[in-house]
Amino acid sequence: MAALTALHREPARPRTVAELARACSVSRSTLAARFTSAAGQGPLEYLTRRRVELAARPLRETDATLAIIARTVGYGSESALSVAFKRVMGIVPGDHRRRARETDGAH
């Protein structure tokens, strides 16, 4: 599906359902229905999860600031990433980083 490919190719790019639908030459409702059928969630929910997953790795593996990670994955602010991260992962980014480091230190 072209929309899924676009979201993976450029996850940090600002997106709307309308823009994705135009790129796929379908209506917004058709895109939403097809995407949900294929991916199990709507395109913007999928994009949020994708961005959070992309942010989780540098949180675990680097000392990059939350602001830098947020910009890298497509969020305009630390707080926007923090809200999305908490919604998707159930914890805030700082706790994710701490837990990862505690786990690494335990080995």
C-alpha atoms as a PDB file:
ATOM      1  CA  MET A   1       0.000   0.000   0.000  1.00  0.00           C
ATOM      2  CA  ALA A   2       1.432   3.351  -1.083  1.00  0.00           C
ATOM      3  CA  ALA A   3       0.396   5.161   2.094  1.00  0.00           C
ATOM      4  CA  LEU A   4       2.174   2.649   4.312  1.00  0.00           C
ATOM      5  CA  THR A   5       5.300   2.883   2.174  1.00  0.00           C
ATOM      6  CA  ALA A   6       5.207   6.688   2.417  1.00  0.00           C
ATOM      7  CA  LEU A   7       4.883   6.589   6.203  1.00  0.00           C
ATOM      8  CA  HIS A   8       7.861   4.252   6.479  1.00  0.00           C
ATOM      9  CA  ARG A   9       9.981   6.110   3.953  1.00  0.00           C
ATOM     10  CA  GLU A  10       9.551   9.511   5.638  1.00  0.00           C
ATOM     11  CA  PRO A  11       8.123   9.052   9.136  1.00  0.00           C
ATOM     12  CA  ALA A  12       9.167  12.532  10.288  1.00  0.00           C
ATOM     13  CA  ARG A  13       7.342  14.314   7.471  1.00  0.00           C
ATOM     14  CA  PRO A  14       4.145  16.084   8.556  1.00  0.00           C
ATOM     15  CA  ARG A  15       1.140  14.096   7.333  1.00  0.00           C
ATOM     16  CA  THR A  16      -2.597  14.356   7.031  1.00  0.00           C
ATOM     17  CA  VAL A  17      -5.083  11.734   5.956  1.00  0.00           C
ATOM     18  CA  ALA A  18      -6.125  14.051   3.128  1.00  0.00           C
ATOM     19  CA  GLU A  19      -2.550  14.298   1.828  1.00  0.00           C
ATOM     20  CA  LEU A  20      -2.055  10.528   2.000  1.00  0.00           C
ATOM     21  CA  ALA A  21      -5.395   9.963   0.263  1.00  0.00           C
ATOM     22  CA  ARG A  22      -4.446  12.352  -2.553  1.00  0.00           C
ATOM     23  CA  ALA A  23      -1.115  10.544  -2.984  1.00  0.00           C
ATOM     24  CA  CYS A  24      -3.032   7.259  -3.288  1.00  0.00           C
ATOM     25  CA  SER A  25      -5.734   8.753  -5.536  1.00  0.00           C
ATOM     26  CA  VAL A  26      -8.554   7.749  -3.200  1.00  0.00           C
ATOM     27  CA  SER A  27     -10.909   9.532  -0.830  1.00  0.00           C
ATOM     28  CA  ARG A  28      -9.987  10.025   2.806  1.00  0.00           C
ATOM     29  CA  SER A  29     -12.649   7.547   3.892  1.00  0.00           C
ATOM     30  CA  THR A  30     -11.437   4.938   1.397  1.00  0.00           C
ATOM     31  CA  LEU A  31      -7.846   5.386   2.524  1.00  0.00           C
ATOM     32  CA  ALA A  32      -8.841   5.147   6.174  1.00  0.00           C
ATOM     33  CA  ALA A  33     -10.879   1.983   5.578  1.00  0.00           C
ATOM     34  CA  ARG A  34      -8.189   0.279   3.477  1.00  0.00           C
ATOM     35  CA  PHE A  35      -5.397   1.286   5.811  1.00  0.00           C
ATOM     36  CA  THR A  36      -7.284   0.122   8.881  1.00  0.00           C
ATOM     37  CA  SER A  37      -8.047  -3.170   7.182  1.00  0.00           C
ATOM     38  CA  ALA A  38      -4.400  -3.697   6.252  1.00  0.00           C
ATOM     39  CA  ALA A  39      -2.668  -2.311   9.349  1.00  0.00           C
ATOM     40  CA  GLY A  40      -5.268  -2.722  12.074  1.00  0.00           C
ATOM     41  CA  GLN A  41      -5.388   0.996  12.847  1.00  0.00           C
ATOM     42  CA  GLY A  42      -5.850   4.300  11.080  1.00  0.00           C
ATOM     43  CA  PRO A  43      -2.961   5.950   9.232  1.00  0.00           C
ATOM     44  CA  LEU A  44      -2.305   8.685  11.786  1.00  0.00           C
ATOM     45  CA  GLU A  45      -2.469   6.268  14.705  1.00  0.00           C
ATOM     46  CA  TYR A  46      -0.043   4.042  12.817  1.00  0.00           C
ATOM     47  CA  LEU A  47       2.259   6.999  12.201  1.00  0.00           C
ATOM     48  CA  THR A  48       2.208   7.942  15.877  1.00  0.00           C
ATOM     49  CA  ARG A  49       3.167   4.393  16.885  1.00  0.00           C
ATOM     50  CA  ARG A  50       5.900   4.291  14.228  1.00  0.00           C
ATOM     51  CA  ARG A  51       7.388   7.569  15.418  1.00  0.00           C
ATOM     52  CA  VAL A  52       7.312   6.473  19.053  1.00  0.00           C
ATOM     53  CA  GLU A  53       9.006   3.189  18.159  1.00  0.00           C
ATOM     54  CA  LEU A  54      11.665   5.125  16.259  1.00  0.00           C
ATOM     55  CA  ALA A  55      12.169   7.412  19.271  1.00  0.00           C
ATOM     56  CA  ALA A  56      12.465   4.506  21.697  1.00  0.00           C
ATOM     57  CA  ARG A  57      15.725   3.237  20.246  1.00  0.00           C
ATOM     58  CA  PRO A  58      17.840   6.399  20.629  1.00  0.00           C
ATOM     59  CA  LEU A  59      16.324   6.854  24.075  1.00  0.00           C
ATOM     60  CA  ARG A  60      17.688   3.425  24.984  1.00  0.00           C
ATOM     61  CA  GLU A  61      20.964   3.594  23.120  1.00  0.00           C
ATOM     62  CA  THR A  62      22.143   7.216  23.062  1.00  0.00           C
ATOM     63  CA  ASP A  63      22.442  10.303  25.192  1.00  0.00           C
ATOM     64  CA  ALA A  64      20.630  12.441  22.604  1.00  0.00           C
ATOM     65  CA  THR A  65      18.301  14.954  24.195  1.00  0.00           C
ATOM     66  CA  LEU A  66      14.570  14.470  24.004  1.00  0.00           C
ATOM     67  CA  ALA A  67      14.333  17.651  21.909  1.00  0.00           C
ATOM     68  CA  ILE A  68      16.712  16.248  19.291  1.00  0.00           C
ATOM     69  CA  ILE A  69      14.955  12.885  19.216  1.00  0.00           C
ATOM     70  CA  ALA A  70      11.567  14.598  18.944  1.00  0.00           C
ATOM     71  CA  ARG A  71      12.654  16.627  15.914  1.00  0.00           C
ATOM     72  CA  THR A  72      14.278  13.587  14.313  1.00  0.00           C
ATOM     73  CA  VAL A  73      11.087  11.521  14.435  1.00  0.00           C
ATOM     74  CA  GLY A  74       8.714  14.314  13.418  1.00  0.00           C
ATOM     75  CA  TYR A  75       7.562  16.083  16.564  1.00  0.00           C
ATOM     76  CA  GLY A  76       7.898  19.823  16.975  1.00  0.00           C
ATOM     77  CA  SER A  77       8.535  19.687  20.688  1.00  0.00           C
ATOM     78  CA  GLU A  78       9.626  17.482  23.546  1.00  0.00           C
ATOM     79  CA  SER A  79       6.184  17.731  25.060  1.00  0.00           C
ATOM     80  CA  ALA A  80       4.443  16.534  21.881  1.00  0.00           C
ATOM     81  CA  LEU A  81       6.704  13.484  21.792  1.00  0.00           C
ATOM     82  CA  SER A  82       6.249  12.896  25.521  1.00  0.00           C
ATOM     83  CA  VAL A  83       2.453  12.901  25.228  1.00  0.00           C
ATOM     84  CA  ALA A  84       2.513  10.500  22.266  1.00  0.00           C
ATOM     85  CA  PHE A  85       5.129   8.285  23.923  1.00  0.00           C
ATOM     86  CA  LYS A  86       3.105   8.010  27.131  1.00  0.00           C
ATOM     87  CA  ARG A  87      -0.058   7.190  25.160  1.00  0.00           C
ATOM     88  CA  VAL A  88       1.643   4.466  23.094  1.00  0.00           C
ATOM     89  CA  MET A  89       4.163   3.012  25.545  1.00  0.00           C
ATOM     90  CA  GLY A  90       2.429   3.685  28.851  1.00  0.00           C
ATOM     91  CA  ILE A  91       5.475   5.473  30.300  1.00  0.00           C
ATOM     92  CA  VAL A  92       7.205   8.775  29.700  1.00  0.00           C
ATOM     93  CA  PRO A  93      10.407   8.870  27.613  1.00  0.00           C
ATOM     94  CA  GLY A  94      12.669   9.546  30.603  1.00  0.00           C
ATOM     95  CA  ASP A  95      11.364   6.473  32.413  1.00  0.00           C
ATOM     96  CA  HIS A  96      11.873   4.407  29.257  1.00  0.00           C
ATOM     97  CA  ARG A  97      15.489   5.572  29.090  1.00  0.00           C
ATOM     98  CA  ARG A  98      16.091   4.876  32.793  1.00  0.00           C
ATOM     99  CA  ARG A  99      14.544   1.399  32.637  1.00  0.00           C
ATOM    100  CA  ALA A 100      16.612   0.489  29.587  1.00  0.00           C
ATOM    101  CA  ARG A 101      19.793   1.593  31.302  1.00  0.00           C
ATOM    102  CA  GLU A 102      18.911  -0.245  34.516  1.00  0.00           C
ATOM    103  CA  THR A 103      18.273  -3.391  32.487  1.00  0.00           C
ATOM    104  CA  ASP A 104      21.574  -2.992  30.616  1.00  0.00           C
ATOM    105  CA  GLY A 105      23.401  -2.476  33.894  1.00  0.00           C
ATOM    106  CA  ALA A 106      21.892  -5.645  35.357  1.00  0.00           C
ATOM    107  CA  HIS A 107      23.590  -7.878  32.761  1.00  0.00           C
END
